[in-house]
Amino acid sequence: MKHSLRILAAAAALAVATPAFAQGGGGGGGGMGQMSPEQMIARQKERMFAGITLTAEQSAKADTVIMNGMKQMMEMRQSGGMNREAMQEMNTKRNEALKALLTDEQKKKFEENLAAMPQRRGGQ
């Protein structure tokens, strides 16, 4: 009887945990899994370009750079090749591409914004 109750409890826990994980609730992603791509781009731009006024052209190009980076991350995750070093390298390349769109004055503020952002997700 005890064995049956344990199996039933384990099955119930698994049934509850699986949909939560599939919806992005299991990875500690801060809600990013529930955002649309447009919302994710807007959030990243808001953080990286805080205090910077972008021209329409800069903004459109930044959207493209960020979207391409998101696609690369998704492809890497799906292929199973995602690791911390690869993610950091992709972020560095994305940030360099974004910085190339900016004026010298904007680059200074961009660097300040990046320095103020948390460098890793999770516990801190």
PDB file of N, CA and C in Angstrom:
ATOM      1  N   MET A   1       0.814  -1.193   0.000  1.00  0.00           N
ATOM      2  CA  MET A   1       0.000   0.000   0.000  1.00  0.00           C
ATOM      3  C   MET A   1       0.862   1.264   0.000  1.00  0.00           C
ATOM      4  N   LYS A   2       1.911   1.271   0.864  1.00  0.00           N
ATOM      5  CA  LYS A   2       2.793   2.435   0.922  1.00  0.00           C
ATOM      6  C   LYS A   2       3.491   2.638  -0.415  1.00  0.00           C
ATOM      7  N   HIS A   3       3.866   1.537  -1.020  1.00  0.00           N
ATOM      8  CA  HIS A   3       4.546   1.614  -2.318  1.00  0.00           C
ATOM      9  C   HIS A   3       3.627   2.237  -3.379  1.00  0.00           C
ATOM     10  N   SER A   4       2.381   1.862  -3.367  1.00  0.00           N
ATOM     11  CA  SER A   4       1.411   2.412  -4.322  1.00  0.00           C
ATOM     12  C   SER A   4       1.203   3.905  -4.102  1.00  0.00           C
ATOM     13  N   LEU A   5       1.155   4.331  -2.838  1.00  0.00           N
ATOM     14  CA  LEU A   5       0.993   5.746  -2.539  1.00  0.00           C
ATOM     15  C   LEU A   5       2.214   6.544  -3.011  1.00  0.00           C
ATOM     16  N   ARG A   6       3.385   5.986  -2.851  1.00  0.00           N
ATOM     17  CA  ARG A   6       4.611   6.666  -3.307  1.00  0.00           C
ATOM     18  C   ARG A   6       4.600   6.832  -4.830  1.00  0.00           C
ATOM     19  N   ILE A   7       4.208   5.811  -5.507  1.00  0.00           N
ATOM     20  CA  ILE A   7       4.147   5.873  -6.971  1.00  0.00           C
ATOM     21  C   ILE A   7       3.115   6.901  -7.415  1.00  0.00           C
ATOM     22  N   LEU A   8       1.969   6.899  -6.760  1.00  0.00           N
ATOM     23  CA  LEU A   8       0.916   7.860  -7.084  1.00  0.00           C
ATOM     24  C   LEU A   8       1.393   9.286  -6.814  1.00  0.00           C
ATOM     25  N   ALA A   9       2.078   9.519  -5.687  1.00  0.00           N
ATOM     26  CA  ALA A   9       2.591  10.853  -5.352  1.00  0.00           C
ATOM     27  C   ALA A   9       3.640  11.294  -6.367  1.00  0.00           C
ATOM     28  N   ALA A  10       4.523  10.381  -6.757  1.00  0.00           N
ATOM     29  CA  ALA A  10       5.550  10.713  -7.743  1.00  0.00           C
ATOM     30  C   ALA A  10       4.927  11.052  -9.092  1.00  0.00           C
ATOM     31  N   ALA A  11       3.920  10.293  -9.490  1.00  0.00           N
ATOM     32  CA  ALA A  11       3.247  10.561 -10.766  1.00  0.00           C
ATOM     33  C   ALA A  11       2.539  11.907 -10.731  1.00  0.00           C
ATOM     34  N   ALA A  12       1.915  12.226  -9.597  1.00  0.00           N
ATOM     35  CA  ALA A  12       1.231  13.518  -9.474  1.00  0.00           C
ATOM     36  C   ALA A  12       2.227  14.665  -9.537  1.00  0.00           C
ATOM     37  N   ALA A  13       3.365  14.519  -8.850  1.00  0.00           N
ATOM     38  CA  ALA A  13       4.389  15.564  -8.877  1.00  0.00           C
ATOM     39  C   ALA A  13       4.923  15.755 -10.293  1.00  0.00           C
ATOM     40  N   LEU A  14       5.141  14.661 -10.992  1.00  0.00           N
ATOM     41  CA  LEU A  14       5.645  14.740 -12.366  1.00  0.00           C
ATOM     42  C   LEU A  14       4.617  15.386 -13.286  1.00  0.00           C
ATOM     43  N   ALA A  15       3.352  15.068 -13.092  1.00  0.00           N
ATOM     44  CA  ALA A  15       2.298  15.637 -13.927  1.00  0.00           C
ATOM     45  C   ALA A  15       2.192  17.146 -13.746  1.00  0.00           C
ATOM     46  N   VAL A  16       2.452  17.624 -12.540  1.00  0.00           N
ATOM     47  CA  VAL A  16       2.393  19.059 -12.265  1.00  0.00           C
ATOM     48  C   VAL A  16       3.659  19.751 -12.764  1.00  0.00           C
ATOM     49  N   ALA A  17       4.814  19.130 -12.571  1.00  0.00           N
ATOM     50  CA  ALA A  17       6.093  19.758 -12.915  1.00  0.00           C
ATOM     51  C   ALA A  17       6.323  19.836 -14.419  1.00  0.00           C
ATOM     52  N   THR A  18       5.909  18.841 -15.170  1.00  0.00           N
ATOM     53  CA  THR A  18       6.182  18.810 -16.602  1.00  0.00           C
ATOM     54  C   THR A  18       5.580  19.991 -17.357  1.00  0.00           C
ATOM     55  N   PRO A  19       4.286  20.317 -17.191  1.00  0.00           N
ATOM     56  CA  PRO A  19       3.757  21.487 -17.907  1.00  0.00           C
ATOM     57  C   PRO A  19       4.407  22.790 -17.467  1.00  0.00           C
ATOM     58  N   ALA A  20       4.752  22.912 -16.180  1.00  0.00           N
ATOM     59  CA  ALA A  20       5.395  24.136 -15.705  1.00  0.00           C
ATOM     60  C   ALA A  20       6.751  24.303 -16.354  1.00  0.00           C
ATOM     61  N   PHE A  21       7.500  23.210 -16.477  1.00  0.00           N
ATOM     62  CA  PHE A  21       8.814  23.291 -17.112  1.00  0.00           C
ATOM     63  C   PHE A  21       8.669  23.600 -18.599  1.00  0.00           C
ATOM     64  N   ALA A  22       7.711  22.993 -19.252  1.00  0.00           N
ATOM     65  CA  ALA A  22       7.508  23.215 -20.686  1.00  0.00           C
ATOM     66  C   ALA A  22       7.126  24.657 -20.978  1.00  0.00           C
ATOM     67  N   GLN A  23       6.511  25.328 -20.010  1.00  0.00           N
ATOM     68  CA  GLN A  23       6.112  26.710 -20.203  1.00  0.00           C
ATOM     69  C   GLN A  23       7.193  27.680 -19.789  1.00  0.00           C
ATOM     70  N   GLY A  24       8.385  27.188 -19.495  1.00  0.00           N
ATOM     71  CA  GLY A  24       9.481  28.076 -19.131  1.00  0.00           C
ATOM     72  C   GLY A  24       9.572  28.321 -17.647  1.00  0.00           C
ATOM     73  N   GLY A  25       8.789  27.627 -16.832  1.00  0.00           N
ATOM     74  CA  GLY A  25       8.801  27.851 -15.403  1.00  0.00           C
ATOM     75  C   GLY A  25       9.899  27.111 -14.682  1.00  0.00           C
ATOM     76  N   GLY A  26      10.558  26.165 -15.328  1.00  0.00           N
ATOM     77  CA  GLY A  26      11.537  25.339 -14.625  1.00  0.00           C
ATOM     78  C   GLY A  26      12.953  25.832 -14.726  1.00  0.00           C
ATOM     79  N   GLY A  27      13.257  26.776 -15.557  1.00  0.00           N
ATOM     80  CA  GLY A  27      14.635  27.156 -15.777  1.00  0.00           C
ATOM     81  C   GLY A  27      15.091  28.400 -15.069  1.00  0.00           C
ATOM     82  N   GLY A  28      14.255  29.036 -14.291  1.00  0.00           N
ATOM     83  CA  GLY A  28      14.672  30.248 -13.598  1.00  0.00           C
ATOM     84  C   GLY A  28      14.947  31.388 -14.550  1.00  0.00           C
ATOM     85  N   GLY A  29      14.232  31.455 -15.659  1.00  0.00           N
ATOM     86  CA  GLY A  29      14.509  32.437 -16.688  1.00  0.00           C
ATOM     87  C   GLY A  29      13.922  33.808 -16.470  1.00  0.00           C
ATOM     88  N   GLY A  30      13.339  34.062 -15.337  1.00  0.00           N
ATOM     89  CA  GLY A  30      12.819  35.388 -15.059  1.00  0.00           C
ATOM     90  C   GLY A  30      11.659  35.801 -15.941  1.00  0.00           C
ATOM     91  N   GLY A  31      10.904  34.834 -16.446  1.00  0.00           N
ATOM     92  CA  GLY A  31       9.736  35.169 -17.234  1.00  0.00           C
ATOM     93  C   GLY A  31      10.013  35.350 -18.722  1.00  0.00           C
ATOM     94  N   MET A  32      11.259  35.255 -19.141  1.00  0.00           N
ATOM     95  CA  MET A  32      11.588  35.470 -20.546  1.00  0.00           C
ATOM     96  C   MET A  32      10.901  34.451 -21.457  1.00  0.00           C
ATOM     97  N   GLY A  33      10.700  33.213 -20.970  1.00  0.00           N
ATOM     98  CA  GLY A  33      10.084  32.196 -21.796  1.00  0.00           C
ATOM     99  C   GLY A  33       8.637  32.492 -22.119  1.00  0.00           C
ATOM    100  N   GLN A  34       8.006  33.402 -21.409  1.00  0.00           N
ATOM    101  CA  GLN A  34       6.607  33.708 -21.625  1.00  0.00           C
ATOM    102  C   GLN A  34       6.430  34.967 -22.466  1.00  0.00           C
ATOM    103  N   MET A  35       7.505  35.581 -22.894  1.00  0.00           N
ATOM    104  CA  MET A  35       7.440  36.803 -23.696  1.00  0.00           C
ATOM    105  C   MET A  35       7.478  36.458 -25.177  1.00  0.00           C
ATOM    106  N   SER A  36       6.864  37.308 -25.968  1.00  0.00           N
ATOM    107  CA  SER A  36       6.965  37.164 -27.413  1.00  0.00           C
ATOM    108  C   SER A  36       8.354  37.650 -27.839  1.00  0.00           C
ATOM    109  N   PRO A  37       8.806  37.288 -29.037  1.00  0.00           N
ATOM    110  CA  PRO A  37      10.109  37.782 -29.501  1.00  0.00           C
ATOM    111  C   PRO A  37      10.179  39.314 -29.496  1.00  0.00           C
ATOM    112  N   GLU A  38       9.078  39.949 -29.865  1.00  0.00           N
ATOM    113  CA  GLU A  38       9.065  41.414 -29.884  1.00  0.00           C
ATOM    114  C   GLU A  38       9.233  41.988 -28.479  1.00  0.00           C
ATOM    115  N   GLN A  39       8.604  41.341 -27.508  1.00  0.00           N
ATOM    116  CA  GLN A  39       8.740  41.787 -26.119  1.00  0.00           C
ATOM    117  C   GLN A  39      10.166  41.579 -25.610  1.00  0.00           C
ATOM    118  N   MET A  40      10.781  40.457 -25.997  1.00  0.00           N
ATOM    119  CA  MET A  40      12.162  40.195 -25.571  1.00  0.00           C
ATOM    120  C   MET A  40      13.114  41.222 -26.164  1.00  0.00           C
ATOM    121  N   ILE A  41      12.909  41.558 -27.439  1.00  0.00           N
ATOM    122  CA  ILE A  41      13.758  42.567 -28.078  1.00  0.00           C
ATOM    123  C   ILE A  41      13.587  43.902 -27.370  1.00  0.00           C
ATOM    124  N   ALA A  42      12.335  44.271 -27.102  1.00  0.00           N
ATOM    125  CA  ALA A  42      12.071  45.549 -26.435  1.00  0.00           C
ATOM    126  C   ALA A  42      12.721  45.587 -25.053  1.00  0.00           C
ATOM    127  N   ARG A  43      12.651  44.481 -24.336  1.00  0.00           N
ATOM    128  CA  ARG A  43      13.246  44.422 -22.994  1.00  0.00           C
ATOM    129  C   ARG A  43      14.762  44.561 -23.062  1.00  0.00           C
ATOM    130  N   GLN A  44      15.387  43.852 -23.992  1.00  0.00           N
ATOM    131  CA  GLN A  44      16.841  43.947 -24.134  1.00  0.00           C
ATOM    132  C   GLN A  44      17.252  45.359 -24.531  1.00  0.00           C
ATOM    133  N   LYS A  45      16.529  45.939 -25.470  1.00  0.00           N
ATOM    134  CA  LYS A  45      16.858  47.309 -25.897  1.00  0.00           C
ATOM    135  C   LYS A  45      16.693  48.291 -24.743  1.00  0.00           C
ATOM    136  N   GLU A  46      15.638  48.105 -23.975  1.00  0.00           N
ATOM    137  CA  GLU A  46      15.377  48.993 -22.846  1.00  0.00           C
ATOM    138  C   GLU A  46      16.554  48.978 -21.864  1.00  0.00           C
ATOM    139  N   ARG A  47      17.093  47.815 -21.623  1.00  0.00           N
ATOM    140  CA  ARG A  47      18.220  47.687 -20.687  1.00  0.00           C
ATOM    141  C   ARG A  47      19.536  48.181 -21.290  1.00  0.00           C
ATOM    142  N   MET A  48      19.801  47.759 -22.515  1.00  0.00           N
ATOM    143  CA  MET A  48      21.099  48.091 -23.111  1.00  0.00           C
ATOM    144  C   MET A  48      21.188  49.544 -23.557  1.00  0.00           C
ATOM    145  N   PHE A  49      20.059  50.107 -23.979  1.00  0.00           N
ATOM    146  CA  PHE A  49      20.076  51.463 -24.529  1.00  0.00           C
ATOM    147  C   PHE A  49      19.423  52.486 -23.598  1.00  0.00           C
ATOM    148  N   ALA A  50      19.378  52.192 -22.313  1.00  0.00           N
ATOM    149  CA  ALA A  50      18.813  53.141 -21.343  1.00  0.00           C
ATOM    150  C   ALA A  50      19.607  54.446 -21.398  1.00  0.00           C
ATOM    151  N   GLY A  51      18.904  55.559 -21.549  1.00  0.00           N
ATOM    152  CA  GLY A  51      19.568  56.855 -21.606  1.00  0.00           C
ATOM    153  C   GLY A  51      20.180  57.188 -22.954  1.00  0.00           C
ATOM    154  N   ILE A  52      19.931  56.352 -23.952  1.00  0.00           N
ATOM    155  CA  ILE A  52      20.458  56.564 -25.305  1.00  0.00           C
ATOM    156  C   ILE A  52      19.268  56.751 -26.244  1.00  0.00           C
ATOM    157  N   THR A  53      19.286  57.822 -27.009  1.00  0.00           N
ATOM    158  CA  THR A  53      18.240  58.050 -28.001  1.00  0.00           C
ATOM    159  C   THR A  53      18.740  57.522 -29.339  1.00  0.00           C
ATOM    160  N   LEU A  54      18.077  56.481 -29.826  1.00  0.00           N
ATOM    161  CA  LEU A  54      18.456  55.880 -31.101  1.00  0.00           C
ATOM    162  C   LEU A  54      17.672  56.525 -32.231  1.00  0.00           C
ATOM    163  N   THR A  55      18.319  56.650 -33.391  1.00  0.00           N
ATOM    164  CA  THR A  55      17.592  57.066 -34.579  1.00  0.00           C
ATOM    165  C   THR A  55      16.729  55.891 -35.032  1.00  0.00           C
ATOM    166  N   ALA A  56      15.802  56.140 -35.919  1.00  0.00           N
ATOM    167  CA  ALA A  56      14.954  55.065 -36.436  1.00  0.00           C
ATOM    168  C   ALA A  56      15.805  53.989 -37.111  1.00  0.00           C
ATOM    169  N   GLU A  57      16.836  54.422 -37.824  1.00  0.00           N
ATOM    170  CA  GLU A  57      17.716  53.469 -38.505  1.00  0.00           C
ATOM    171  C   GLU A  57      18.498  52.626 -37.504  1.00  0.00           C
ATOM    172  N   GLN A  58      19.043  53.276 -36.475  1.00  0.00           N
ATOM    173  CA  GLN A  58      19.780  52.541 -35.446  1.00  0.00           C
ATOM    174  C   GLN A  58      18.863  51.537 -34.747  1.00  0.00           C
ATOM    175  N   SER A  59      17.654  51.966 -34.442  1.00  0.00           N
ATOM    176  CA  SER A  59      16.706  51.110 -33.743  1.00  0.00           C
ATOM    177  C   SER A  59      16.354  49.881 -34.584  1.00  0.00           C
ATOM    178  N   ALA A  60      16.094  50.084 -35.850  1.00  0.00           N
ATOM    179  CA  ALA A  60      15.751  48.966 -36.738  1.00  0.00           C
ATOM    180  C   ALA A  60      16.916  47.990 -36.868  1.00  0.00           C
ATOM    181  N   LYS A  61      18.122  48.529 -37.008  1.00  0.00           N
ATOM    182  CA  LYS A  61      19.303  47.658 -37.108  1.00  0.00           C
ATOM    183  C   LYS A  61      19.548  46.915 -35.803  1.00  0.00           C
ATOM    184  N   ALA A  62      19.320  47.585 -34.668  1.00  0.00           N
ATOM    185  CA  ALA A  62      19.482  46.935 -33.369  1.00  0.00           C
ATOM    186  C   ALA A  62      18.485  45.787 -33.227  1.00  0.00           C
ATOM    187  N   ASP A  63      17.251  45.998 -33.671  1.00  0.00           N
ATOM    188  CA  ASP A  63      16.247  44.935 -33.645  1.00  0.00           C
ATOM    189  C   ASP A  63      16.743  43.714 -34.413  1.00  0.00           C
ATOM    190  N   THR A  64      17.311  43.952 -35.575  1.00  0.00           N
ATOM    191  CA  THR A  64      17.805  42.854 -36.411  1.00  0.00           C
ATOM    192  C   THR A  64      18.944  42.111 -35.724  1.00  0.00           C
ATOM    193  N   VAL A  65      19.891  42.846 -35.155  1.00  0.00           N
ATOM    194  CA  VAL A  65      21.028  42.231 -34.476  1.00  0.00           C
ATOM    195  C   VAL A  65      20.542  41.387 -33.294  1.00  0.00           C
ATOM    196  N   ILE A  66      19.642  41.934 -32.498  1.00  0.00           N
ATOM    197  CA  ILE A  66      19.146  41.217 -31.322  1.00  0.00           C
ATOM    198  C   ILE A  66      18.348  39.980 -31.743  1.00  0.00           C
ATOM    199  N   MET A  67      17.504  40.116 -32.771  1.00  0.00           N
ATOM    200  CA  MET A  67      16.708  38.979 -33.245  1.00  0.00           C
ATOM    201  C   MET A  67      17.612  37.868 -33.776  1.00  0.00           C
ATOM    202  N   ASN A  68      18.640  38.235 -34.535  1.00  0.00           N
ATOM    203  CA  ASN A  68      19.569  37.230 -35.046  1.00  0.00           C
ATOM    204  C   ASN A  68      20.273  36.507 -33.901  1.00  0.00           C
ATOM    205  N   GLY A  69      20.640  37.252 -32.871  1.00  0.00           N
ATOM    206  CA  GLY A  69      21.273  36.638 -31.705  1.00  0.00           C
ATOM    207  C   GLY A  69      20.333  35.670 -30.995  1.00  0.00           C
ATOM    208  N   MET A  70      19.071  36.056 -30.879  1.00  0.00           N
ATOM    209  CA  MET A  70      18.083  35.183 -30.252  1.00  0.00           C
ATOM    210  C   MET A  70      17.901  33.903 -31.064  1.00  0.00           C
ATOM    211  N   LYS A  71      17.876  34.036 -32.380  1.00  0.00           N
ATOM    212  CA  LYS A  71      17.724  32.852 -33.241  1.00  0.00           C
ATOM    213  C   LYS A  71      18.911  31.914 -33.082  1.00  0.00           C
ATOM    214  N   GLN A  72      20.126  32.481 -33.030  1.00  0.00           N
ATOM    215  CA  GLN A  72      21.320  31.659 -32.849  1.00  0.00           C
ATOM    216  C   GLN A  72      21.289  30.916 -31.517  1.00  0.00           C
ATOM    217  N   MET A  73      20.850  31.617 -30.472  1.00  0.00           N
ATOM    218  CA  MET A  73      20.750  30.975 -29.148  1.00  0.00           C
ATOM    219  C   MET A  73      19.751  29.824 -29.184  1.00  0.00           C
ATOM    220  N   MET A  74      18.600  30.054 -29.817  1.00  0.00           N
ATOM    221  CA  MET A  74      17.577  29.010 -29.889  1.00  0.00           C
ATOM    222  C   MET A  74      18.097  27.804 -30.664  1.00  0.00           C
ATOM    223  N   GLU A  75      18.785  28.053 -31.774  1.00  0.00           N
ATOM    224  CA  GLU A  75      19.330  26.958 -32.575  1.00  0.00           C
ATOM    225  C   GLU A  75      20.363  26.180 -31.769  1.00  0.00           C
ATOM    226  N   MET A  76      21.180  26.899 -31.013  1.00  0.00           N
ATOM    227  CA  MET A  76      22.199  26.238 -30.217  1.00  0.00           C
ATOM    228  C   MET A  76      21.561  25.389 -29.118  1.00  0.00           C
ATOM    229  N   ARG A  77      20.524  25.912 -28.482  1.00  0.00           N
ATOM    230  CA  ARG A  77      19.828  25.151 -27.434  1.00  0.00           C
ATOM    231  C   ARG A  77      19.205  23.884 -28.020  1.00  0.00           C
ATOM    232  N   GLN A  78      18.578  24.025 -29.191  1.00  0.00           N
ATOM    233  CA  GLN A  78      17.905  22.885 -29.803  1.00  0.00           C
ATOM    234  C   GLN A  78      18.893  21.814 -30.253  1.00  0.00           C
ATOM    235  N   SER A  79      20.091  22.227 -30.638  1.00  0.00           N
ATOM    236  CA  SER A  79      21.090  21.253 -31.081  1.00  0.00           C
ATOM    237  C   SER A  79      21.833  20.625 -29.910  1.00  0.00           C
ATOM    238  N   GLY A  80      21.578  21.133 -28.704  1.00  0.00           N
ATOM    239  CA  GLY A  80      22.230  20.581 -27.523  1.00  0.00           C
ATOM    240  C   GLY A  80      23.635  21.109 -27.304  1.00  0.00           C
ATOM    241  N   GLY A  81      24.039  22.111 -28.070  1.00  0.00           N
ATOM    242  CA  GLY A  81      25.397  22.629 -27.958  1.00  0.00           C
ATOM    243  C   GLY A  81      25.530  23.840 -27.065  1.00  0.00           C
ATOM    244  N   MET A  82      24.533  24.140 -26.263  1.00  0.00           N
ATOM    245  CA  MET A  82      24.549  25.333 -25.434  1.00  0.00           C
ATOM    246  C   MET A  82      25.433  25.106 -24.209  1.00  0.00           C
ATOM    247  N   ASN A  83      26.366  26.017 -24.021  1.00  0.00           N
ATOM    248  CA  ASN A  83      27.151  26.029 -22.800  1.00  0.00           C
ATOM    249  C   ASN A  83      27.477  27.476 -22.448  1.00  0.00           C
ATOM    250  N   ARG A  84      27.971  27.685 -21.265  1.00  0.00           N
ATOM    251  CA  ARG A  84      28.207  29.040 -20.762  1.00  0.00           C
ATOM    252  C   ARG A  84      29.167  29.825 -21.652  1.00  0.00           C
ATOM    253  N   GLU A  85      30.246  29.189 -22.069  1.00  0.00           N
ATOM    254  CA  GLU A  85      31.240  29.875 -22.890  1.00  0.00           C
ATOM    255  C   GLU A  85      30.673  30.281 -24.245  1.00  0.00           C
ATOM    256  N   ALA A  86      29.915  29.387 -24.852  1.00  0.00           N
ATOM    257  CA  ALA A  86      29.310  29.692 -26.153  1.00  0.00           C
ATOM    258  C   ALA A  86      28.319  30.841 -26.028  1.00  0.00           C
ATOM    259  N   MET A  87      27.542  30.842 -24.940  1.00  0.00           N
ATOM    260  CA  MET A  87      26.574  31.906 -24.726  1.00  0.00           C
ATOM    261  C   MET A  87      27.286  33.247 -24.525  1.00  0.00           C
ATOM    262  N   GLN A  88      28.352  33.247 -23.744  1.00  0.00           N
ATOM    263  CA  GLN A  88      29.093  34.484 -23.515  1.00  0.00           C
ATOM    264  C   GLN A  88      29.710  35.004 -24.809  1.00  0.00           C
ATOM    265  N   GLU A  89      30.207  34.095 -25.625  1.00  0.00           N
ATOM    266  CA  GLU A  89      30.791  34.497 -26.913  1.00  0.00           C
ATOM    267  C   GLU A  89      29.729  35.113 -27.828  1.00  0.00           C
ATOM    268  N   MET A  90      28.557  34.503 -27.848  1.00  0.00           N
ATOM    269  CA  MET A  90      27.470  35.039 -28.674  1.00  0.00           C
ATOM    270  C   MET A  90      27.037  36.412 -28.170  1.00  0.00           C
ATOM    271  N   ASN A  91      26.954  36.572 -26.851  1.00  0.00           N
ATOM    272  CA  ASN A  91      26.580  37.869 -26.284  1.00  0.00           C
ATOM    273  C   ASN A  91      27.623  38.930 -26.604  1.00  0.00           C
ATOM    274  N   THR A  92      28.888  38.564 -26.536  1.00  0.00           N
ATOM    275  CA  THR A  92      29.962  39.513 -26.850  1.00  0.00           C
ATOM    276  C   THR A  92      29.875  39.957 -28.307  1.00  0.00           C
ATOM    277  N   LYS A  93      29.654  39.011 -29.208  1.00  0.00           N
ATOM    278  CA  LYS A  93      29.529  39.349 -30.633  1.00  0.00           C
ATOM    279  C   LYS A  93      28.323  40.246 -30.878  1.00  0.00           C
ATOM    280  N   ARG A  94      27.201  39.928 -30.229  1.00  0.00           N
ATOM    281  CA  ARG A  94      25.997  40.746 -30.361  1.00  0.00           C
ATOM    282  C   ARG A  94      26.258  42.165 -29.856  1.00  0.00           C
ATOM    283  N   ASN A  95      26.896  42.272 -28.696  1.00  0.00           N
ATOM    284  CA  ASN A  95      27.171  43.587 -28.122  1.00  0.00           C
ATOM    285  C   ASN A  95      28.114  44.403 -28.995  1.00  0.00           C
ATOM    286  N   GLU A  96      29.088  43.756 -29.596  1.00  0.00           N
ATOM    287  CA  GLU A  96      30.008  44.460 -30.499  1.00  0.00           C
ATOM    288  C   GLU A  96      29.273  44.945 -31.748  1.00  0.00           C
ATOM    289  N   ALA A  97      28.375  44.116 -32.262  1.00  0.00           N
ATOM    290  CA  ALA A  97      27.586  44.522 -33.432  1.00  0.00           C
ATOM    291  C   ALA A  97      26.672  45.693 -33.091  1.00  0.00           C
ATOM    292  N   LEU A  98      26.086  45.673 -31.900  1.00  0.00           N
ATOM    293  CA  LEU A  98      25.231  46.782 -31.479  1.00  0.00           C
ATOM    294  C   LEU A  98      26.064  48.050 -31.273  1.00  0.00           C
ATOM    295  N   LYS A  99      27.205  47.904 -30.680  1.00  0.00           N
ATOM    296  CA  LYS A  99      28.069  49.061 -30.423  1.00  0.00           C
ATOM    297  C   LYS A  99      28.514  49.719 -31.724  1.00  0.00           C
ATOM    298  N   ALA A 100      28.686  48.913 -32.758  1.00  0.00           N
ATOM    299  CA  ALA A 100      29.105  49.441 -34.062  1.00  0.00           C
ATOM    300  C   ALA A 100      28.052  50.359 -34.678  1.00  0.00           C
ATOM    301  N   LEU A 101      26.810  50.250 -34.215  1.00  0.00           N
ATOM    302  CA  LEU A 101      25.736  51.094 -34.732  1.00  0.00           C
ATOM    303  C   LEU A 101      25.726  52.492 -34.102  1.00  0.00           C
ATOM    304  N   LEU A 102      26.468  52.672 -33.019  1.00  0.00           N
ATOM    305  CA  LEU A 102      26.351  53.866 -32.191  1.00  0.00           C
ATOM    306  C   LEU A 102      27.422  54.909 -32.477  1.00  0.00           C
ATOM    307  N   THR A 103      27.118  56.147 -32.088  1.00  0.00           N
ATOM    308  CA  THR A 103      28.117  57.218 -32.131  1.00  0.00           C
ATOM    309  C   THR A 103      29.058  57.023 -30.947  1.00  0.00           C
ATOM    310  N   ASP A 104      30.167  57.744 -30.941  1.00  0.00           N
ATOM    311  CA  ASP A 104      31.131  57.616 -29.850  1.00  0.00           C
ATOM    312  C   ASP A 104      30.498  57.953 -28.501  1.00  0.00           C
ATOM    313  N   GLU A 105      29.680  58.993 -28.470  1.00  0.00           N
ATOM    314  CA  GLU A 105      29.019  59.386 -27.230  1.00  0.00           C
ATOM    315  C   GLU A 105      28.039  58.304 -26.756  1.00  0.00           C
ATOM    316  N   GLN A 106      27.295  57.728 -27.704  1.00  0.00           N
ATOM    317  CA  GLN A 106      26.347  56.673 -27.365  1.00  0.00           C
ATOM    318  C   GLN A 106      27.080  55.417 -26.876  1.00  0.00           C
ATOM    319  N   LYS A 107      28.249  55.145 -27.459  1.00  0.00           N
ATOM    320  CA  LYS A 107      29.028  53.965 -27.062  1.00  0.00           C
ATOM    321  C   LYS A 107      29.412  54.028 -25.592  1.00  0.00           C
ATOM    322  N   LYS A 108      29.761  55.216 -25.104  1.00  0.00           N
ATOM    323  CA  LYS A 108      30.139  55.356 -23.695  1.00  0.00           C
ATOM    324  C   LYS A 108      28.973  54.957 -22.794  1.00  0.00           C
ATOM    325  N   LYS A 109      27.787  55.448 -23.080  1.00  0.00           N
ATOM    326  CA  LYS A 109      26.612  55.133 -22.273  1.00  0.00           C
ATOM    327  C   LYS A 109      26.251  53.655 -22.415  1.00  0.00           C
ATOM    328  N   PHE A 110      26.395  53.113 -23.607  1.00  0.00           N
ATOM    329  CA  PHE A 110      26.126  51.699 -23.848  1.00  0.00           C
ATOM    330  C   PHE A 110      27.029  50.837 -22.971  1.00  0.00           C
ATOM    331  N   GLU A 111      28.314  51.183 -22.925  1.00  0.00           N
ATOM    332  CA  GLU A 111      29.262  50.440 -22.087  1.00  0.00           C
ATOM    333  C   GLU A 111      28.868  50.527 -20.611  1.00  0.00           C
ATOM    334  N   GLU A 112      28.432  51.697 -20.176  1.00  0.00           N
ATOM    335  CA  GLU A 112      27.974  51.862 -18.789  1.00  0.00           C
ATOM    336  C   GLU A 112      26.766  50.969 -18.516  1.00  0.00           C
ATOM    337  N   ASN A 113      25.846  50.943 -19.453  1.00  0.00           N
ATOM    338  CA  ASN A 113      24.651  50.118 -19.297  1.00  0.00           C
ATOM    339  C   ASN A 113      25.009  48.638 -19.213  1.00  0.00           C
ATOM    340  N   LEU A 114      25.924  48.190 -20.066  1.00  0.00           N
ATOM    341  CA  LEU A 114      26.328  46.786 -20.037  1.00  0.00           C
ATOM    342  C   LEU A 114      27.001  46.450 -18.716  1.00  0.00           C
ATOM    343  N   ALA A 115      27.835  47.351 -18.230  1.00  0.00           N
ATOM    344  CA  ALA A 115      28.538  47.111 -16.963  1.00  0.00           C
ATOM    345  C   ALA A 115      27.557  47.018 -15.793  1.00  0.00           C
ATOM    346  N   ALA A 116      26.437  47.710 -15.894  1.00  0.00           N
ATOM    347  CA  ALA A 116      25.446  47.708 -14.816  1.00  0.00           C
ATOM    348  C   ALA A 116      24.532  46.489 -14.864  1.00  0.00           C
ATOM    349  N   MET A 117      24.550  45.759 -15.962  1.00  0.00           N
ATOM    350  CA  MET A 117      23.683  44.588 -16.098  1.00  0.00           C
ATOM    351  C   MET A 117      24.299  43.405 -15.367  1.00  0.00           C
ATOM    352  N   PRO A 118      23.461  42.534 -14.789  1.00  0.00           N
ATOM    353  CA  PRO A 118      23.996  41.325 -14.149  1.00  0.00           C
ATOM    354  C   PRO A 118      24.698  40.461 -15.206  1.00  0.00           C
ATOM    355  N   GLN A 119      25.805  39.893 -14.829  1.00  0.00           N
ATOM    356  CA  GLN A 119      26.589  39.113 -15.785  1.00  0.00           C
ATOM    357  C   GLN A 119      26.158  37.665 -15.889  1.00  0.00           C
ATOM    358  N   ARG A 120      25.340  37.212 -14.943  1.00  0.00           N
ATOM    359  CA  ARG A 120      24.845  35.849 -15.052  1.00  0.00           C
ATOM    360  C   ARG A 120      23.437  35.785 -14.508  1.00  0.00           C
ATOM    361  N   ARG A 121      22.716  34.792 -14.982  1.00  0.00           N
ATOM    362  CA  ARG A 121      21.330  34.610 -14.555  1.00  0.00           C
ATOM    363  C   ARG A 121      21.311  33.664 -13.383  1.00  0.00           C
ATOM    364  N   GLY A 122      20.255  33.771 -12.628  1.00  0.00           N
ATOM    365  CA  GLY A 122      20.101  32.834 -11.531  1.00  0.00           C
ATOM    366  C   GLY A 122      20.272  33.499 -10.198  1.00  0.00           C
ATOM    367  N   GLY A 123      20.929  32.829  -9.264  1.00  0.00           N
ATOM    368  CA  GLY A 123      20.964  33.150  -7.860  1.00  0.00           C
ATOM    369  C   GLY A 123      21.308  34.550  -7.430  1.00  0.00           C
ATOM    370  N   GLN A 124      21.912  35.375  -8.229  1.00  0.00           N
ATOM    371  CA  GLN A 124      22.325  36.683  -7.728  1.00  0.00           C
ATOM    372  C   GLN A 124      21.609  37.807  -8.373  1.00  0.00           C
TER     373      GLN A 124
END
